[in-house]
């Protein structure tokens, strides 16, 4: 009789991809996926450590699972991913009914660890080495990946997929725990990446997003001295027949090279969209964050993007209320946002992370009410910019990859057919909402824009394509 598996995922694209790998591995060994924790024999929480709120949410979820464990002691509860690597034995101490703690570099060991628990060997923990617990090579080996294993059922859409080209990070920003929980920066071999991309396209994937902690830092050094960089990889991937779009996230400003921008400009499959976190518009704050660039250097990078990539779209990340942030620091951040006119920005209140240099060196001295006020103010500035720029797109037409019904989809009159409010994205990663046939999901359609909000464009399909089978997961 097959065992039932329930997995809950929070966090970044890396975690989404890790969950896909875990499910593929366990399903190949006879596990059956369930969408409810109650019937599950094994419950896995794939976790994030970027912010304290994400970790506390996991502990809250574990608290709700405690009763299930009391009622069924044979049920295995596991915490996997970044928080497992970060807290390690601390997970068992706070939730002693947890059976399994596994870091992101040890996920391939999950089946064997589950078998050990079933065999009565007690709770199990496997985590990677800390950055100071061995040589760089030894630490890197302890943070592995098993990317070729895939399970399309775990993706939001079967025709879109993440593809990891890099693991780990060597930037050591003072607010960030990722270098500790994901290990040293390592580029995967390009031949392995290309082979995985071909397999994805063979299964119906038309859009691939390359992911890495600082994806544009990617490089792979071959034994003969040659070096493959992201621009080279994009060119090779663009030759795969059947692939329609290529994206890559997240970028580090200092590594935005001219050859990469030329590739974005010259390779039709590559989306003219770049996500390049700035984090602050103040040199003093950037120095405390150890971001390795100045505001002037970030602006120079933006000017090169504008000069090289016509009709570009750039989004960014910002942290408000980082240790020592003054009103002048925040005002400079607002000034940068107004100047750069990002497509959108992801804005976060600073959350101190135990184990980071920021936690060691700096007091979390910006009051929470000030953080909230600055967060709202910066969001308002960005929303106004996004709305103004979206208004300029009214009347234009864009090719949109249809991702599915919008959350507010409402069925129209029966005599109009199976029309719902659909949503998709342009080549520039702009969200577009429009009424259309549900069979359009997974296809590319041309949409004319007639209205907008700060977050999305509203449009109408110009022509309905002929349907030659659906890519929608039944």
Protein backbone atom coordinates (compact mmCIF):
# COMPACT_ATOMS: atom_id res chain seq x y z
CA UNK A 1 0.00 0.00 0.00
CA UNK A 2 1.45 3.37 -1.01
CA UNK A 3 2.21 6.02 1.57
CA UNK A 4 0.56 9.43 1.29
CA UNK A 5 2.71 12.58 1.18
CA UNK A 6 1.67 16.14 2.03
CA UNK A 7 4.09 19.01 1.40
CA UNK A 8 3.67 22.70 2.18
CA UNK A 9 6.05 25.21 0.61
CA UNK A 10 6.84 28.80 1.59
CA UNK A 11 9.53 31.14 0.34
CA UNK A 12 11.35 31.82 -2.90
CA UNK A 13 11.53 30.12 -6.30
CA UNK A 14 14.34 27.92 -4.95
CA UNK A 15 11.96 26.42 -2.39
CA UNK A 16 9.26 25.86 -5.01
CA UNK A 17 11.82 24.04 -7.13
CA UNK A 18 13.13 22.03 -4.16
CA UNK A 19 9.59 20.83 -3.41
CA UNK A 20 9.17 19.73 -7.00
CA UNK A 21 12.36 17.67 -6.70
CA UNK A 22 11.35 16.14 -3.36
CA UNK A 23 7.94 15.11 -4.65
CA UNK A 24 9.44 13.61 -7.81
CA UNK A 25 11.89 11.59 -5.72
CA UNK A 26 9.28 10.28 -3.29
CA UNK A 27 6.63 9.58 -5.94
CA UNK A 28 9.19 7.50 -7.83
CA UNK A 29 9.41 5.42 -4.64
CA UNK A 30 5.68 4.81 -4.40
CA UNK A 31 4.42 7.83 -2.46
CA UNK A 32 1.06 9.31 -3.39
CA UNK A 33 0.61 13.08 -3.15
CA UNK A 34 -2.33 14.43 -1.14
CA UNK A 35 -3.49 18.03 -0.77
CA UNK A 36 -4.48 17.62 2.91
CA UNK A 37 -2.27 16.88 5.93
CA UNK A 38 -4.91 14.71 7.65
CA UNK A 39 -4.63 11.59 5.47
CA UNK A 40 -0.86 11.97 4.97
CA UNK A 41 1.61 9.43 6.32
CA UNK A 42 4.45 11.91 5.81
CA UNK A 43 4.04 15.70 6.25
CA UNK A 44 6.87 17.96 5.05
CA UNK A 45 7.09 21.70 5.63
CA UNK A 46 9.56 23.26 3.16
CA UNK A 47 10.65 26.43 4.92
CA UNK A 48 12.17 29.88 4.47
CA UNK A 49 14.49 31.77 6.84
CA UNK A 50 14.69 35.13 5.09
CA UNK A 51 12.31 36.79 7.59
CA UNK A 52 11.36 36.02 11.17
CA UNK A 53 7.65 36.02 10.26
CA UNK A 54 8.18 33.09 7.87
CA UNK A 55 9.86 31.04 10.60
CA UNK A 56 7.22 31.81 13.23
CA UNK A 57 4.53 30.81 10.74
CA UNK A 58 6.19 27.40 10.41
CA UNK A 59 6.21 26.92 14.19
CA UNK A 60 2.57 27.95 14.27
CA UNK A 61 1.77 25.35 11.59
CA UNK A 62 3.73 22.74 13.54
CA UNK A 63 1.63 23.54 16.60
CA UNK A 64 -1.50 22.69 14.62
CA UNK A 65 0.04 19.38 13.56
CA UNK A 66 0.77 18.31 17.13
CA UNK A 67 -2.70 16.87 17.67
CA UNK A 68 -2.42 14.83 14.47
CA UNK A 69 0.82 13.36 15.76
CA UNK A 70 -0.81 12.48 19.10
CA UNK A 71 -3.66 10.72 17.31
CA UNK A 72 -1.35 8.94 14.86
CA UNK A 73 2.15 8.52 16.34
CA UNK A 74 3.31 6.72 13.17
CA UNK A 75 2.75 9.90 11.11
CA UNK A 76 6.12 11.41 10.15
CA UNK A 77 6.44 15.20 10.43
CA UNK A 78 9.45 16.82 8.81
CA UNK A 79 10.87 20.33 8.56
CA UNK A 80 13.04 20.76 5.47
CA UNK A 81 14.76 23.63 3.69
CA UNK A 82 16.42 26.82 4.89
CA UNK A 83 14.87 27.00 8.35
CA UNK A 84 15.93 23.41 9.01
CA UNK A 85 19.52 24.33 8.15
CA UNK A 86 19.28 27.53 10.21
CA UNK A 87 17.67 26.16 13.41
CA UNK A 88 18.83 22.53 13.26
CA UNK A 89 18.34 20.99 16.76
CA UNK A 90 16.32 24.08 17.68
CA UNK A 91 13.41 22.68 15.66
CA UNK A 92 13.32 19.55 17.83
CA UNK A 93 13.57 21.67 20.97
CA UNK A 94 10.59 23.85 20.06
CA UNK A 95 8.56 21.04 18.50
CA UNK A 96 9.73 17.73 20.04
CA UNK A 97 7.13 15.74 18.07
CA UNK A 98 8.93 16.57 14.79
CA UNK A 99 10.68 13.49 13.37
CA UNK A 100 12.84 14.93 10.63
CA UNK A 101 15.01 18.02 10.07
CA UNK A 102 16.74 18.24 6.67
CA UNK A 103 18.62 21.16 5.12
CA UNK A 104 18.26 22.17 1.45
CA UNK A 105 21.57 20.52 0.57
CA UNK A 106 20.52 17.13 1.94
CA UNK A 107 17.08 16.71 0.36
CA UNK A 108 18.21 13.75 -1.75
CA UNK A 109 18.61 11.82 1.54
CA UNK A 110 14.92 12.16 2.47
CA UNK A 111 13.78 8.69 1.31
CA UNK A 112 16.54 6.95 3.29
CA UNK A 113 15.86 9.09 6.37
CA UNK A 114 12.15 8.30 6.23
CA UNK A 115 13.01 4.58 6.07
CA UNK A 116 15.25 4.93 9.13
CA UNK A 117 12.39 6.49 11.09
CA UNK A 118 10.04 3.72 9.94
CA UNK A 119 12.64 1.16 11.09
CA UNK A 120 12.55 2.58 14.61
CA UNK A 121 15.86 4.46 14.51
CA UNK A 122 14.33 7.60 16.02
CA UNK A 123 14.26 11.14 14.75
CA UNK A 124 16.70 12.11 12.03
CA UNK A 125 18.62 15.27 11.15
CA UNK A 126 20.84 15.95 8.13
CA UNK A 127 22.18 19.45 7.49
CA UNK A 128 25.07 21.00 5.60
CA UNK A 129 28.31 22.23 7.12
CA UNK A 130 28.47 25.80 8.38
CA UNK A 131 30.63 28.20 6.42
CA UNK A 132 33.43 27.91 9.03
CA UNK A 133 33.12 24.17 9.65
CA UNK A 134 35.44 23.01 6.88
CA UNK A 135 37.25 23.99 3.71
CA UNK A 136 35.27 25.73 0.99
CA UNK A 137 35.28 22.51 -1.05
CA UNK A 138 34.02 20.45 1.90
CA UNK A 139 31.28 22.96 2.73
CA UNK A 140 30.25 23.13 -0.93
CA UNK A 141 30.00 19.34 -1.14
CA UNK A 142 27.68 19.35 1.87
CA UNK A 143 25.21 21.62 0.01
CA UNK A 144 24.18 19.51 -2.96
CA UNK A 145 21.34 19.65 -5.44
CA UNK A 146 19.44 16.97 -7.35
CA UNK A 147 17.82 19.10 -10.01
CA UNK A 148 17.28 16.60 -12.85
CA UNK A 149 14.38 15.05 -10.89
CA UNK A 150 11.16 16.90 -11.80
CA UNK A 151 7.44 16.56 -11.09
CA UNK A 152 5.19 18.86 -13.15
CA UNK A 153 2.28 18.32 -10.76
CA UNK A 154 4.07 20.53 -8.26
CA UNK A 155 4.30 23.51 -10.63
CA UNK A 156 1.65 26.24 -10.74
CA UNK A 157 1.47 25.47 -14.47
CA UNK A 158 2.85 22.49 -16.42
CA UNK A 159 4.02 24.75 -19.25
CA UNK A 160 6.20 26.99 -17.04
CA UNK A 161 9.20 25.76 -15.07
CA UNK A 162 12.04 27.00 -12.92
CA UNK A 163 15.51 25.72 -13.75
CA UNK A 164 18.25 26.15 -11.20
CA UNK A 165 21.61 27.14 -12.67
CA UNK A 166 23.33 28.07 -9.42
CA UNK A 167 23.15 27.20 -5.75
CA UNK A 168 24.48 29.10 -2.77
CA UNK A 169 25.72 32.66 -2.42
CA UNK A 170 29.03 34.36 -1.61
CA UNK A 171 27.83 37.97 -1.28
CA UNK A 172 27.27 37.91 2.52
CA UNK A 173 24.93 40.90 2.75
CA UNK A 174 24.71 41.64 6.47
CA UNK A 175 20.91 41.23 6.63
CA UNK A 176 20.81 37.90 4.77
CA UNK A 177 20.94 34.34 6.10
CA UNK A 178 21.10 32.67 2.66
CA UNK A 179 24.92 32.20 2.46
CA UNK A 180 24.70 30.27 5.72
CA UNK A 181 21.73 28.06 4.84
CA UNK A 182 22.42 27.53 1.12
CA UNK A 183 26.21 27.31 1.27
CA UNK A 184 28.91 28.57 -1.13
CA UNK A 185 28.07 29.82 -4.61
CA UNK A 186 28.29 27.02 -7.18
CA UNK A 187 27.38 27.09 -10.85
CA UNK A 188 25.93 23.91 -12.28
CA UNK A 189 27.62 22.44 -15.40
CA UNK A 190 26.07 23.96 -18.54
CA UNK A 191 25.69 20.52 -20.17
CA UNK A 192 23.53 19.42 -17.23
CA UNK A 193 21.42 22.59 -17.44
CA UNK A 194 20.88 22.20 -21.20
CA UNK A 195 19.92 18.54 -20.85
CA UNK A 196 17.38 19.40 -18.15
CA UNK A 197 15.96 22.24 -20.25
CA UNK A 198 15.50 19.91 -23.23
CA UNK A 199 13.63 17.41 -21.05
CA UNK A 200 11.37 20.18 -19.76
CA UNK A 201 10.53 21.35 -23.28
CA UNK A 202 9.84 17.76 -24.35
CA UNK A 203 7.17 17.61 -21.62
CA UNK A 204 5.42 20.76 -22.90
CA UNK A 205 7.24 23.57 -21.10
CA UNK A 206 7.32 26.76 -23.20
CA UNK A 207 8.70 29.20 -20.61
CA UNK A 208 11.76 28.55 -18.45
CA UNK A 209 12.91 30.84 -15.66
CA UNK A 210 16.55 30.36 -14.67
CA UNK A 211 17.02 30.80 -10.94
CA UNK A 212 19.96 31.49 -8.65
CA UNK A 213 20.54 33.56 -5.54
CA UNK A 214 22.48 36.02 -7.72
CA UNK A 215 21.76 34.45 -11.07
CA UNK A 216 23.81 36.86 -13.18
CA UNK A 217 26.89 35.90 -11.16
CA UNK A 218 26.69 32.46 -12.79
CA UNK A 219 29.91 31.07 -14.17
CA UNK A 220 31.20 27.58 -14.72
CA UNK A 221 34.89 26.91 -15.17
CA UNK A 222 35.64 23.93 -17.41
CA UNK A 223 38.63 21.68 -16.92
CA UNK A 224 40.35 23.08 -20.02
CA UNK A 225 40.24 26.65 -18.69
CA UNK A 226 37.15 27.78 -20.61
CA UNK A 227 34.45 29.65 -18.74
CA UNK A 228 30.70 29.67 -19.37
CA UNK A 229 28.81 32.72 -18.17
CA UNK A 230 25.10 33.51 -18.12
CA UNK A 231 25.16 35.22 -21.55
CA UNK A 232 26.70 32.07 -23.07
CA UNK A 233 24.12 29.89 -21.36
CA UNK A 234 21.22 32.01 -22.65
CA UNK A 235 22.48 31.70 -26.21
CA UNK A 236 22.74 27.90 -25.94
CA UNK A 237 19.30 27.57 -24.34
CA UNK A 238 17.70 29.80 -26.98
CA UNK A 239 18.49 27.18 -29.64
CA UNK A 240 16.21 24.55 -28.04
CA UNK A 241 13.33 23.97 -30.44
CA UNK A 242 9.94 24.48 -28.83
CA UNK A 243 11.11 26.87 -26.11
CA UNK A 244 9.33 30.23 -26.41
CA UNK A 245 10.53 32.32 -23.45
CA UNK A 246 13.55 32.58 -21.17
CA UNK A 247 13.72 34.60 -17.95
CA UNK A 248 16.25 34.75 -15.13
CA UNK A 249 16.08 35.91 -11.50
CA UNK A 250 17.45 37.34 -9.22
CA UNK A 251 20.28 39.64 -10.39
CA UNK A 252 23.05 41.34 -8.44
CA UNK A 253 23.72 44.94 -9.58
CA UNK A 254 27.51 44.69 -9.59
CA UNK A 255 27.43 41.65 -11.91
CA UNK A 256 25.19 43.21 -14.59
CA UNK A 257 27.73 42.95 -17.43
CA UNK A 258 27.51 44.45 -20.90
CA UNK A 259 27.61 41.03 -22.58
CA UNK A 260 24.58 39.94 -20.55
CA UNK A 261 22.64 43.08 -21.47
CA UNK A 262 23.55 42.51 -25.13
CA UNK A 263 22.16 38.96 -24.85
CA UNK A 264 18.89 40.29 -23.39
CA UNK A 265 18.71 42.69 -26.33
CA UNK A 266 19.70 40.31 -29.11
CA UNK A 267 18.11 36.96 -28.20
CA UNK A 268 14.40 37.07 -29.00
CA UNK A 269 13.48 34.34 -26.52
CA UNK A 270 15.01 36.24 -23.59
CA UNK A 271 12.47 38.47 -21.87
CA UNK A 272 13.48 42.16 -21.76
CA UNK A 273 12.82 42.06 -18.03
CA UNK A 274 15.41 42.30 -15.25
CA UNK A 275 14.86 42.00 -11.53
CA UNK A 276 17.75 43.86 -9.88
CA UNK A 277 17.33 44.56 -6.15
CA UNK A 278 18.69 47.93 -5.01
CA UNK A 279 17.67 47.52 -1.33
CA UNK A 280 18.40 51.18 -0.49
CA UNK A 281 19.09 54.53 -2.13
CA UNK A 282 21.54 55.58 0.57
CA UNK A 283 25.28 54.86 0.37
CA UNK A 284 25.48 54.76 4.16
CA UNK A 285 22.75 52.11 4.35
CA UNK A 286 24.24 50.12 1.47
CA UNK A 287 27.59 50.07 3.26
CA UNK A 288 25.97 48.76 6.46
CA UNK A 289 24.19 46.15 4.35
CA UNK A 290 27.49 45.24 2.65
CA UNK A 291 25.88 45.41 -0.78
CA UNK A 292 29.27 45.98 -2.50
CA UNK A 293 28.09 48.89 -4.69
CA UNK A 294 27.18 52.56 -4.33
CA UNK A 295 24.06 54.39 -5.44
CA UNK A 296 26.11 55.97 -8.25
CA UNK A 297 27.12 52.51 -9.46
CA UNK A 298 23.49 51.32 -9.35
CA UNK A 299 22.42 54.36 -11.37
CA UNK A 300 25.21 53.73 -13.87
CA UNK A 301 23.94 50.16 -14.28
CA UNK A 302 20.41 51.46 -14.90
CA UNK A 303 21.70 53.87 -17.53
CA UNK A 304 23.46 50.99 -19.31
CA UNK A 305 20.19 49.00 -19.26
CA UNK A 306 18.31 51.95 -20.76
CA UNK A 307 20.97 52.44 -23.43
CA UNK A 308 21.28 48.76 -24.36
CA UNK A 309 17.83 47.17 -24.02
CA UNK A 310 15.03 49.02 -25.85
CA UNK A 311 11.59 48.80 -24.26
CA UNK A 312 13.08 47.32 -21.07
CA UNK A 313 11.32 46.53 -17.77
CA UNK A 314 13.20 46.53 -14.47
CA UNK A 315 11.87 45.61 -11.03
CA UNK A 316 13.60 45.93 -7.69
CA UNK A 317 13.62 45.04 -3.98
CA UNK A 318 13.92 47.44 -1.05
CA UNK A 319 14.37 47.02 2.69
CA UNK A 320 13.01 49.85 4.83
CA UNK A 321 14.00 50.36 8.44
CA UNK A 322 17.36 48.60 8.24
CA UNK A 323 19.59 49.23 11.27
CA UNK A 324 20.56 52.88 11.52
CA UNK A 325 18.31 54.05 8.67
CA UNK A 326 17.70 57.79 9.11
CA UNK A 327 15.03 59.94 7.52
CA UNK A 328 17.70 61.18 5.11
CA UNK A 329 18.58 57.58 4.16
CA UNK A 330 14.91 56.85 3.49
CA UNK A 331 14.41 60.06 1.51
CA UNK A 332 17.31 59.02 -0.74
CA UNK A 333 15.63 55.66 -1.31
CA UNK A 334 12.43 57.45 -2.35
CA UNK A 335 14.49 59.61 -4.69
CA UNK A 336 16.04 56.54 -6.34
CA UNK A 337 12.63 54.93 -6.88
CA UNK A 338 11.26 58.11 -8.47
CA UNK A 339 14.33 58.38 -10.72
CA UNK A 340 14.52 54.72 -11.81
CA UNK A 341 10.75 54.27 -12.38
CA UNK A 342 10.79 50.52 -11.74
CA UNK A 343 8.09 48.34 -13.25
CA UNK A 344 7.34 47.26 -9.70
CA UNK A 345 9.19 46.93 -6.41
CA UNK A 346 8.99 44.39 -3.62
CA UNK A 347 9.28 46.34 -0.37
CA UNK A 348 9.95 44.75 3.00
CA UNK A 349 10.34 45.94 6.57
CA UNK A 350 13.70 44.93 8.00
CA UNK A 351 13.54 41.75 10.08
CA UNK A 352 16.69 40.97 12.05
CA UNK A 353 18.01 37.47 11.37
CA UNK A 354 19.90 35.62 14.05
CA UNK A 355 23.15 34.31 12.58
CA UNK A 356 23.75 37.23 10.22
CA UNK A 357 26.44 39.90 10.51
CA UNK A 358 23.68 42.49 10.78
CA UNK A 359 22.39 40.84 13.94
CA UNK A 360 25.92 40.76 15.39
CA UNK A 361 26.99 44.27 14.46
CA UNK A 362 23.93 46.52 14.46
CA UNK A 363 21.01 47.24 16.73
CA UNK A 364 17.54 46.91 15.24
CA UNK A 365 16.96 50.54 16.20
CA UNK A 366 14.25 51.77 13.82
CA UNK A 367 10.86 51.63 15.61
CA UNK A 368 8.29 49.34 14.05
CA UNK A 369 5.77 52.15 13.53
CA UNK A 370 8.44 54.06 11.55
CA UNK A 371 9.16 50.94 9.48
CA UNK A 372 5.45 50.55 8.72
CA UNK A 373 5.07 54.21 7.76
CA UNK A 374 8.10 54.12 5.45
CA UNK A 375 6.92 50.85 3.93
CA UNK A 376 3.54 52.37 3.05
CA UNK A 377 5.10 55.59 1.75
CA UNK A 378 7.49 53.78 -0.57
CA UNK A 379 4.70 51.47 -1.77
CA UNK A 380 2.57 54.53 -2.58
CA UNK A 381 5.40 56.08 -4.60
CA UNK A 382 5.97 52.86 -6.54
CA UNK A 383 2.24 52.31 -7.12
CA UNK A 384 1.85 55.80 -8.61
CA UNK A 385 4.81 55.19 -10.95
CA UNK A 386 3.44 51.78 -12.00
CA UNK A 387 0.00 53.24 -12.68
CA UNK A 388 1.38 56.14 -14.73
CA UNK A 389 3.55 53.81 -16.82
CA UNK A 390 0.71 51.36 -17.34
CA UNK A 391 -1.51 54.17 -18.63
CA UNK A 392 1.04 54.76 -21.40
CA UNK A 393 0.48 51.19 -22.60
CA UNK A 394 -3.28 51.61 -23.18
CA UNK A 395 -4.03 51.03 -26.86
CA UNK A 396 -0.97 48.85 -27.43
CA UNK A 397 -1.06 45.10 -28.09
CA UNK A 398 1.13 42.46 -26.45
CA UNK A 399 1.74 38.76 -26.79
CA UNK A 400 0.61 37.14 -23.54
CA UNK A 401 1.28 33.65 -22.21
CA UNK A 402 -2.02 32.68 -20.59
CA UNK A 403 -1.39 31.29 -17.10
CA UNK A 404 -4.94 30.56 -15.95
CA UNK A 405 -8.12 32.07 -14.50
CA UNK A 406 -7.62 35.12 -12.32
CA UNK A 407 -8.46 34.74 -8.64
CA UNK A 408 -11.64 36.72 -9.17
CA UNK A 409 -12.69 34.75 -12.28
CA UNK A 410 -16.47 34.66 -12.73
CA UNK A 411 -18.21 32.57 -15.37
CA UNK A 412 -20.11 34.58 -17.99
CA UNK A 413 -23.57 33.83 -19.47
CA UNK A 414 -23.89 30.27 -20.74
CA UNK A 415 -24.62 31.38 -24.31
CA UNK A 416 -21.26 33.16 -24.37
CA UNK A 417 -19.42 29.87 -23.87
CA UNK A 418 -16.87 28.94 -21.21
CA UNK A 419 -15.47 32.47 -20.79
CA UNK A 420 -13.68 33.44 -17.62
CA UNK A 421 -11.41 36.25 -16.55
CA UNK A 422 -7.95 35.00 -17.48
CA UNK A 423 -4.54 36.25 -16.48
CA UNK A 424 -1.14 36.00 -18.10
CA UNK A 425 2.12 37.85 -18.57
CA UNK A 426 3.74 39.76 -21.38
CA UNK A 427 7.33 39.23 -22.49
CA UNK A 428 8.18 42.11 -20.10
CA UNK A 429 6.58 40.22 -17.19
CA UNK A 430 3.61 42.60 -16.95
CA UNK A 431 0.40 41.03 -15.65
CA UNK A 432 -2.54 41.20 -18.07
CA UNK A 433 -6.18 40.31 -17.25
CA UNK A 434 -8.75 39.65 -19.98
CA UNK A 435 -11.89 37.57 -20.68
CA UNK A 436 -11.28 34.44 -22.69
CA UNK A 437 -11.93 30.77 -23.26
CA UNK A 438 -10.44 28.49 -20.59
CA UNK A 439 -8.81 26.47 -23.35
CA UNK A 440 -6.44 29.40 -23.93
CA UNK A 441 -4.50 28.45 -20.79
CA UNK A 442 -0.96 27.51 -21.80
CA UNK A 443 -1.14 29.30 -25.15
CA UNK A 444 0.19 32.60 -26.45
CA UNK A 445 -2.42 35.16 -27.50
CA UNK A 446 -2.29 38.78 -28.66
CA UNK A 447 -4.11 41.13 -26.30
CA UNK A 448 -4.96 44.81 -26.78
CA UNK A 449 -4.87 46.91 -23.61
CA UNK A 450 -7.83 49.17 -22.83
CA UNK A 451 -7.47 49.89 -19.09
CA UNK A 452 -5.08 49.41 -16.18
CA UNK A 453 -4.42 49.50 -12.47
CA UNK A 454 -1.07 49.93 -10.75
CA UNK A 455 -0.70 46.14 -10.60
CA UNK A 456 -2.12 44.91 -13.89
CA UNK A 457 -3.18 45.71 -17.44
CA UNK A 458 -6.74 45.03 -18.66
CA UNK A 459 -7.28 43.91 -22.23
CA UNK A 460 -9.14 41.97 -24.88
CA UNK A 461 -7.92 39.09 -27.01
CA UNK A 462 -7.43 40.19 -30.62
CA UNK A 463 -7.82 36.74 -32.20
CA UNK A 464 -8.77 33.38 -30.72
CA UNK A 465 -6.23 30.74 -31.82
CA UNK A 466 -7.25 27.35 -33.13
CA UNK A 467 -7.11 24.76 -30.38
CA UNK A 468 -4.84 21.81 -31.08
CA UNK A 469 -5.10 20.18 -27.66
CA UNK A 470 -4.77 21.69 -24.24
CA UNK A 471 -1.77 22.09 -21.99
CA UNK A 472 -4.04 22.48 -18.98
CA UNK A 473 -3.45 19.89 -16.28
CA UNK A 474 -6.66 17.91 -15.90
